[in-house]
């Protein structure tokens, strides 16, 4: 969990088995707190160690 500046207050980095598990985590453990006004999620579909689309500088 990270406390961040900007439009968001906190960033939680979680690993779950799938989108349904993420939904359950957010609905059952995050939004149940009265201080949580809204949530936003982002999914990582693939972790790539190779060059991919964005090559590192100098390659």
Protein backbone atom coordinates (compact mmCIF):
# COMPACT_ATOMS: atom_id res chain seq x y z
CA UNK A 1 0.00 0.00 0.00
CA UNK A 2 1.39 3.39 -0.99
CA UNK A 3 0.18 6.82 0.16
CA UNK A 4 0.59 8.99 -2.94
CA UNK A 5 0.13 12.59 -4.05
CA UNK A 6 -2.18 13.69 -6.85
CA UNK A 7 -5.73 12.70 -7.74
CA UNK A 8 -5.41 9.40 -5.87
CA UNK A 9 -4.74 9.05 -2.15
CA UNK A 10 -3.57 5.45 -2.01
CA UNK A 11 -2.19 2.88 -4.41
CA UNK A 12 -2.55 -0.79 -3.53
CA UNK A 13 -0.47 -3.27 -5.53
CA UNK A 14 -2.16 -6.67 -5.31
CA UNK A 15 -1.87 -10.01 -7.08
CA UNK A 16 -5.04 -12.05 -7.57
CA UNK A 17 -6.05 -15.05 -9.67
CA UNK A 18 -8.28 -13.06 -12.01
CA UNK A 19 -10.70 -10.20 -12.56
CA UNK A 20 -13.41 -11.80 -10.41
CA UNK A 21 -10.99 -12.16 -7.50
CA UNK A 22 -10.01 -8.50 -7.88
CA UNK A 23 -13.67 -7.48 -7.88
CA UNK A 24 -14.31 -9.53 -4.76
CA UNK A 25 -11.28 -8.04 -3.01
CA UNK A 26 -12.38 -4.48 -3.78
CA UNK A 27 -16.04 -5.03 -2.90
CA UNK A 28 -15.53 -7.11 0.23
CA UNK A 29 -12.46 -5.45 1.76
CA UNK A 30 -12.06 -1.92 0.38
CA UNK A 31 -15.41 -0.32 -0.40
CA UNK A 32 -16.92 -1.51 2.89
CA UNK A 33 -15.07 1.30 4.70
CA UNK A 34 -17.12 4.51 4.94
CA UNK A 35 -14.06 6.64 4.18
CA UNK A 36 -13.70 5.07 0.71
CA UNK A 37 -15.56 7.24 -1.77
CA UNK A 38 -14.48 5.53 -4.99
CA UNK A 39 -12.02 3.01 -6.39
CA UNK A 40 -10.27 2.59 -9.71
CA UNK A 41 -8.55 -0.55 -10.91
CA UNK A 42 -5.92 -1.23 -13.55
CA UNK A 43 -5.04 -4.69 -14.82
CA UNK A 44 -1.67 -5.97 -16.03
CA UNK A 45 -2.31 -8.44 -18.81
CA UNK A 46 1.28 -9.44 -19.45
CA UNK A 47 4.69 -8.87 -17.89
CA UNK A 48 7.36 -8.70 -20.57
CA UNK A 49 11.08 -8.95 -19.88
CA UNK A 50 12.10 -8.64 -23.52
CA UNK A 51 12.42 -5.42 -25.54
CA UNK A 52 8.79 -5.34 -26.65
CA UNK A 53 7.21 -2.19 -28.07
CA UNK A 54 9.19 0.29 -25.96
CA UNK A 55 12.86 -0.45 -26.31
CA UNK A 56 15.14 0.76 -23.50
CA UNK A 57 17.48 3.68 -24.34
CA UNK A 58 20.56 2.66 -26.32
CA UNK A 59 19.13 -0.54 -27.76
